[in-house]
């Protein structure tokens, strides 16, 4: 079985203006790993508690912000990893296929 898998989501402000990314709770991002069938294997935020408070991050023009998490595979095969910004003001997500041998 493979070792740890590192998942990274990077959000980028391509505009010429400051962007305030707003959050309804202390959670700013989430990651998930699914089987090829779509069955969820792992979600980073499951069993976590987040502060129930508003928050924000300001991104300057051409600035990026990265979030990472590690997952320990318990299966082999073709999988899909996805990451999402959990914002009340902006959306950003990405997914990629990968395999565990």
C-alpha atoms as a PDB file:
ATOM      1  CA  UNK A   1       0.000   0.000   0.000  1.00  0.00           C
ATOM      2  CA  UNK A   2       1.219   3.511  -0.776  1.00  0.00           C
ATOM      3  CA  UNK A   3       2.314   5.987   1.864  1.00  0.00           C
ATOM      4  CA  UNK A   4       0.613   9.285   2.561  1.00  0.00           C
ATOM      5  CA  UNK A   5      -1.016  11.214  -0.269  1.00  0.00           C
ATOM      6  CA  UNK A   6      -0.689  14.997  -0.028  1.00  0.00           C
ATOM      7  CA  UNK A   7      -3.596  16.996  -1.452  1.00  0.00           C
ATOM      8  CA  UNK A   8      -3.108  20.687  -2.247  1.00  0.00           C
ATOM      9  CA  UNK A   9      -5.625  23.284  -3.383  1.00  0.00           C
ATOM     10  CA  UNK A  10      -4.307  26.636  -4.583  1.00  0.00           C
ATOM     11  CA  UNK A  11      -6.613  29.596  -5.164  1.00  0.00           C
ATOM     12  CA  UNK A  12      -5.373  32.539  -7.218  1.00  0.00           C
ATOM     13  CA  UNK A  13      -6.562  36.117  -7.647  1.00  0.00           C
ATOM     14  CA  UNK A  14      -6.042  36.879 -11.357  1.00  0.00           C
ATOM     15  CA  UNK A  15      -7.656  40.313 -11.126  1.00  0.00           C
ATOM     16  CA  UNK A  16      -6.059  43.738 -10.706  1.00  0.00           C
ATOM     17  CA  UNK A  17      -8.051  44.367  -7.502  1.00  0.00           C
ATOM     18  CA  UNK A  18      -7.960  43.121  -3.927  1.00  0.00           C
ATOM     19  CA  UNK A  19     -10.436  40.306  -3.284  1.00  0.00           C
ATOM     20  CA  UNK A  20     -11.921  39.623   0.140  1.00  0.00           C
ATOM     21  CA  UNK A  21     -12.755  35.927   0.428  1.00  0.00           C
ATOM     22  CA  UNK A  22     -15.411  35.531   3.124  1.00  0.00           C
ATOM     23  CA  UNK A  23     -16.018  32.467   5.301  1.00  0.00           C
ATOM     24  CA  UNK A  24     -19.146  31.710   7.332  1.00  0.00           C
ATOM     25  CA  UNK A  25     -17.210  29.494   9.780  1.00  0.00           C
ATOM     26  CA  UNK A  26     -13.629  28.679  10.672  1.00  0.00           C
ATOM     27  CA  UNK A  27     -13.525  26.156   7.825  1.00  0.00           C
ATOM     28  CA  UNK A  28     -11.811  27.580   4.747  1.00  0.00           C
ATOM     29  CA  UNK A  29     -11.343  24.463   2.570  1.00  0.00           C
ATOM     30  CA  UNK A  30     -12.199  20.792   2.213  1.00  0.00           C
ATOM     31  CA  UNK A  31     -10.752  17.773   0.442  1.00  0.00           C
ATOM     32  CA  UNK A  32     -12.290  14.446  -0.580  1.00  0.00           C
ATOM     33  CA  UNK A  33     -11.171  11.200  -2.194  1.00  0.00           C
ATOM     34  CA  UNK A  34     -13.646   9.065  -4.135  1.00  0.00           C
ATOM     35  CA  UNK A  35     -13.599   5.772  -5.993  1.00  0.00           C
ATOM     36  CA  UNK A  36     -14.081   5.773  -9.765  1.00  0.00           C
ATOM     37  CA  UNK A  37     -17.744   4.854  -9.100  1.00  0.00           C
ATOM     38  CA  UNK A  38     -18.149   8.109  -7.165  1.00  0.00           C
ATOM     39  CA  UNK A  39     -18.332   6.437  -3.741  1.00  0.00           C
ATOM     40  CA  UNK A  40     -16.751   8.690  -1.118  1.00  0.00           C
ATOM     41  CA  UNK A  41     -13.741   7.109   0.609  1.00  0.00           C
ATOM     42  CA  UNK A  42     -12.506  10.030   2.696  1.00  0.00           C
ATOM     43  CA  UNK A  43     -13.396  13.638   3.432  1.00  0.00           C
ATOM     44  CA  UNK A  44     -10.972  15.853   5.325  1.00  0.00           C
ATOM     45  CA  UNK A  45     -13.633  17.736   7.304  1.00  0.00           C
ATOM     46  CA  UNK A  46     -15.528  14.693   8.627  1.00  0.00           C
ATOM     47  CA  UNK A  47     -15.440  14.522  12.437  1.00  0.00           C
ATOM     48  CA  UNK A  48     -13.886  18.006  12.665  1.00  0.00           C
ATOM     49  CA  UNK A  49     -15.369  20.944  14.511  1.00  0.00           C
ATOM     50  CA  UNK A  50     -14.976  24.477  13.186  1.00  0.00           C
ATOM     51  CA  UNK A  51     -15.398  27.761  15.019  1.00  0.00           C
ATOM     52  CA  UNK A  52     -18.804  29.267  14.347  1.00  0.00           C
ATOM     53  CA  UNK A  53     -17.477  32.705  13.478  1.00  0.00           C
ATOM     54  CA  UNK A  54     -17.163  34.809  10.364  1.00  0.00           C
ATOM     55  CA  UNK A  55     -13.735  35.163   8.812  1.00  0.00           C
ATOM     56  CA  UNK A  56     -12.023  36.506   5.741  1.00  0.00           C
ATOM     57  CA  UNK A  57      -8.786  36.407   3.780  1.00  0.00           C
ATOM     58  CA  UNK A  58      -7.725  39.219   1.458  1.00  0.00           C
ATOM     59  CA  UNK A  59      -5.894  38.252  -1.711  1.00  0.00           C
ATOM     60  CA  UNK A  60      -3.888  40.950  -3.474  1.00  0.00           C
ATOM     61  CA  UNK A  61      -3.735  41.040  -7.285  1.00  0.00           C
ATOM     62  CA  UNK A  62      -1.881  37.954  -8.588  1.00  0.00           C
ATOM     63  CA  UNK A  63      -1.635  36.526  -5.067  1.00  0.00           C
ATOM     64  CA  UNK A  64      -2.344  32.878  -4.351  1.00  0.00           C
ATOM     65  CA  UNK A  65      -3.244  30.931  -1.243  1.00  0.00           C
ATOM     66  CA  UNK A  66      -2.647  27.200  -0.799  1.00  0.00           C
ATOM     67  CA  UNK A  67      -4.285  24.662   1.489  1.00  0.00           C
ATOM     68  CA  UNK A  68      -2.995  21.120   2.050  1.00  0.00           C
ATOM     69  CA  UNK A  69      -4.060  17.928   3.784  1.00  0.00           C
ATOM     70  CA  UNK A  70      -2.707  14.387   3.954  1.00  0.00           C
ATOM     71  CA  UNK A  71      -4.648  11.176   3.387  1.00  0.00           C
ATOM     72  CA  UNK A  72      -3.502   7.647   4.203  1.00  0.00           C
ATOM     73  CA  UNK A  73      -4.894   5.319   1.502  1.00  0.00           C
ATOM     74  CA  UNK A  74      -6.738   2.212   2.645  1.00  0.00           C
ATOM     75  CA  UNK A  75      -7.547   0.987  -0.884  1.00  0.00           C
ATOM     76  CA  UNK A  76      -5.839   0.588  -4.237  1.00  0.00           C
ATOM     77  CA  UNK A  77      -7.121   1.483  -7.670  1.00  0.00           C
ATOM     78  CA  UNK A  78      -8.225   4.460  -9.713  1.00  0.00           C
ATOM     79  CA  UNK A  79      -9.418   7.317  -7.493  1.00  0.00           C
ATOM     80  CA  UNK A  80     -10.408  10.959  -7.731  1.00  0.00           C
ATOM     81  CA  UNK A  81      -9.165  13.657  -5.371  1.00  0.00           C
ATOM     82  CA  UNK A  82     -11.044  16.926  -5.076  1.00  0.00           C
ATOM     83  CA  UNK A  83     -10.500  20.133  -3.168  1.00  0.00           C
ATOM     84  CA  UNK A  84     -12.800  23.077  -2.641  1.00  0.00           C
ATOM     85  CA  UNK A  85     -12.721  26.530  -1.139  1.00  0.00           C
ATOM     86  CA  UNK A  86     -15.525  26.707   1.451  1.00  0.00           C
ATOM     87  CA  UNK A  87     -16.332  30.391   1.042  1.00  0.00           C
ATOM     88  CA  UNK A  88     -19.564  32.324   1.299  1.00  0.00           C
ATOM     89  CA  UNK A  89     -18.358  34.836  -1.303  1.00  0.00           C
ATOM     90  CA  UNK A  90     -16.270  32.951  -3.877  1.00  0.00           C
ATOM     91  CA  UNK A  91     -16.139  29.465  -5.343  1.00  0.00           C
ATOM     92  CA  UNK A  92     -13.092  27.509  -6.348  1.00  0.00           C
ATOM     93  CA  UNK A  93     -12.653  23.784  -6.709  1.00  0.00           C
ATOM     94  CA  UNK A  94     -10.532  21.277  -8.557  1.00  0.00           C
ATOM     95  CA  UNK A  95     -10.446  17.528  -9.071  1.00  0.00           C
ATOM     96  CA  UNK A  96      -7.924  15.103 -10.494  1.00  0.00           C
ATOM     97  CA  UNK A  97      -7.749  11.385 -11.114  1.00  0.00           C
ATOM     98  CA  UNK A  98      -4.903   9.337  -9.648  1.00  0.00           C
ATOM     99  CA  UNK A  99      -4.101   5.743  -8.851  1.00  0.00           C
ATOM    100  CA  UNK A 100      -2.908   3.943  -5.745  1.00  0.00           C
ATOM    101  CA  UNK A 101      -1.010   0.668  -6.222  1.00  0.00           C
END
